[in-house]
Amino acid sequence: MTLPFDHAAFVQAIIEGRVEWRKHVLVRLLERGISQARVLECARLGVCIQAYPDDTPFPSALVFAMADNEPLHVVAAFDEKEKKVYIITAYTPSSDIFESDFITRKKK
């Protein structure tokens, strides 16, 4: 699946540090033992497994990558006009919800 925004501009914004971390996500990362570096690595190198083009105020996506040899999901939004990434959340995908590839959702 493709990102609902320009991939190259999204990655460039991450590389240049144009990333906003809300207090909520920082608290969750601390609770989950996930570093900001792992989140950025996943967002930059990961594959889009779900696009949310109609999210407001900016389109967002669920991205998956193996970061530090651990699976990680990151939800991020991108303001294409301002070239700014917003990290919404990040978590280790659950084997109760996802298949062993950590991409495919299990059938209910």
Protein backbone atom coordinates (compact mmCIF):
# COMPACT_ATOMS: atom_id res chain seq x y z
CA MET A 1 0.00 0.00 0.00
CA THR A 2 1.22 3.50 -0.69
CA LEU A 3 1.35 6.43 1.68
CA PRO A 4 -1.45 9.01 1.31
CA PHE A 5 1.19 11.72 0.90
CA ASP A 6 4.50 12.27 -0.87
CA HIS A 7 6.91 9.64 0.46
CA ALA A 8 10.10 11.50 -0.44
CA ALA A 9 8.93 14.73 1.22
CA PHE A 10 7.84 12.76 4.31
CA VAL A 11 11.25 11.09 4.63
CA GLN A 12 13.07 14.37 4.01
CA ALA A 13 11.07 16.06 6.78
CA ILE A 14 12.13 13.29 9.18
CA ILE A 15 15.78 13.57 8.13
CA GLU A 16 15.67 17.35 8.64
CA GLY A 17 14.03 17.00 12.06
CA ARG A 18 10.69 18.56 11.13
CA VAL A 19 8.85 16.18 13.45
CA GLU A 20 6.32 17.07 16.13
CA TRP A 21 5.91 14.85 19.17
CA ARG A 22 2.76 15.40 21.19
CA LYS A 23 2.88 14.86 24.95
CA HIS A 24 0.49 11.89 24.61
CA VAL A 25 2.79 9.96 22.28
CA LEU A 26 5.86 10.70 24.40
CA VAL A 27 4.10 9.34 27.49
CA ARG A 28 3.03 6.21 25.58
CA LEU A 29 6.54 5.63 24.24
CA LEU A 30 7.95 5.84 27.75
CA GLU A 31 5.30 3.39 29.03
CA ARG A 32 6.02 1.00 26.16
CA GLY A 33 9.82 1.26 26.30
CA ILE A 34 10.06 2.52 22.73
CA SER A 35 12.71 5.10 21.84
CA GLN A 36 12.08 8.10 19.62
CA ALA A 37 14.97 6.92 17.45
CA ARG A 38 13.19 3.58 16.81
CA VAL A 39 9.99 5.43 15.91
CA LEU A 40 11.79 7.69 13.43
CA GLU A 41 13.63 4.72 11.91
CA CYS A 42 10.35 2.89 11.42
CA ALA A 43 8.59 5.93 9.96
CA ARG A 44 11.49 6.60 7.59
CA LEU A 45 12.18 3.06 6.42
CA GLY A 46 8.89 1.24 6.99
CA VAL A 47 6.16 0.11 4.65
CA CYS A 48 2.67 1.52 4.70
CA ILE A 49 0.17 -1.12 5.78
CA GLN A 50 -2.84 1.16 6.12
CA ALA A 51 -3.46 4.60 4.63
CA TYR A 52 -5.84 7.11 6.15
CA PRO A 53 -6.11 9.76 3.40
CA ASP A 54 -9.22 11.35 4.91
CA ASP A 55 -7.78 11.91 8.40
CA THR A 56 -7.88 15.49 9.56
CA PRO A 57 -6.22 17.84 9.82
CA PHE A 58 -3.66 15.85 7.76
CA PRO A 59 -3.63 12.46 6.04
CA SER A 60 -1.94 9.75 8.06
CA ALA A 61 -0.67 6.20 7.72
CA LEU A 62 0.14 3.10 9.72
CA VAL A 63 3.72 2.08 8.94
CA PHE A 64 5.52 -1.15 9.83
CA ALA A 65 9.24 -1.86 10.10
CA MET A 66 11.62 -4.03 12.02
CA ALA A 67 13.48 -1.55 14.23
CA ASP A 68 16.33 -2.87 16.37
CA ASN A 69 15.22 -6.39 15.34
CA GLU A 70 11.77 -5.82 16.87
CA PRO A 71 8.50 -5.24 14.98
CA LEU A 72 7.12 -1.74 15.33
CA HIS A 73 4.01 0.06 14.10
CA VAL A 74 3.97 3.83 13.81
CA VAL A 75 1.03 6.04 12.95
CA ALA A 76 2.17 9.34 11.51
CA ALA A 77 0.51 12.25 9.75
CA PHE A 78 2.12 14.62 7.28
CA ASP A 79 1.39 18.27 6.56
CA GLU A 80 2.58 18.53 2.96
CA LYS A 81 2.23 22.32 2.86
CA GLU A 82 4.44 22.89 5.92
CA LYS A 83 6.54 19.73 5.32
CA LYS A 84 6.03 18.59 8.90
CA VAL A 85 5.58 15.07 10.32
CA TYR A 86 3.33 14.44 13.30
CA ILE A 87 3.93 11.24 15.23
CA ILE A 88 0.55 10.07 16.51
CA THR A 89 1.45 6.78 18.19
CA ALA A 90 3.80 3.82 18.09
CA TYR A 91 3.49 0.33 19.48
CA THR A 92 4.69 -3.24 19.20
CA PRO A 93 2.08 -5.09 17.12
CA SER A 94 0.19 -7.80 18.98
CA SER A 95 0.22 -11.38 17.73
CA ASP A 96 -3.43 -11.50 18.83
CA ILE A 97 -4.30 -8.97 16.14
CA PHE A 98 -1.64 -9.48 13.45
CA GLU A 99 -0.30 -12.53 11.64
CA SER A 100 3.37 -13.47 12.08
CA ASP A 101 4.35 -10.97 9.35
CA PHE A 102 3.05 -8.17 11.64
CA ILE A 103 1.37 -6.66 8.57
CA THR A 104 -1.69 -8.81 7.93
CA ARG A 105 -4.58 -8.47 10.35
CA LYS A 106 -5.99 -11.75 11.56
CA LYS A 107 -9.49 -12.65 10.45
CA LYS A 108 -12.06 -12.24 13.21
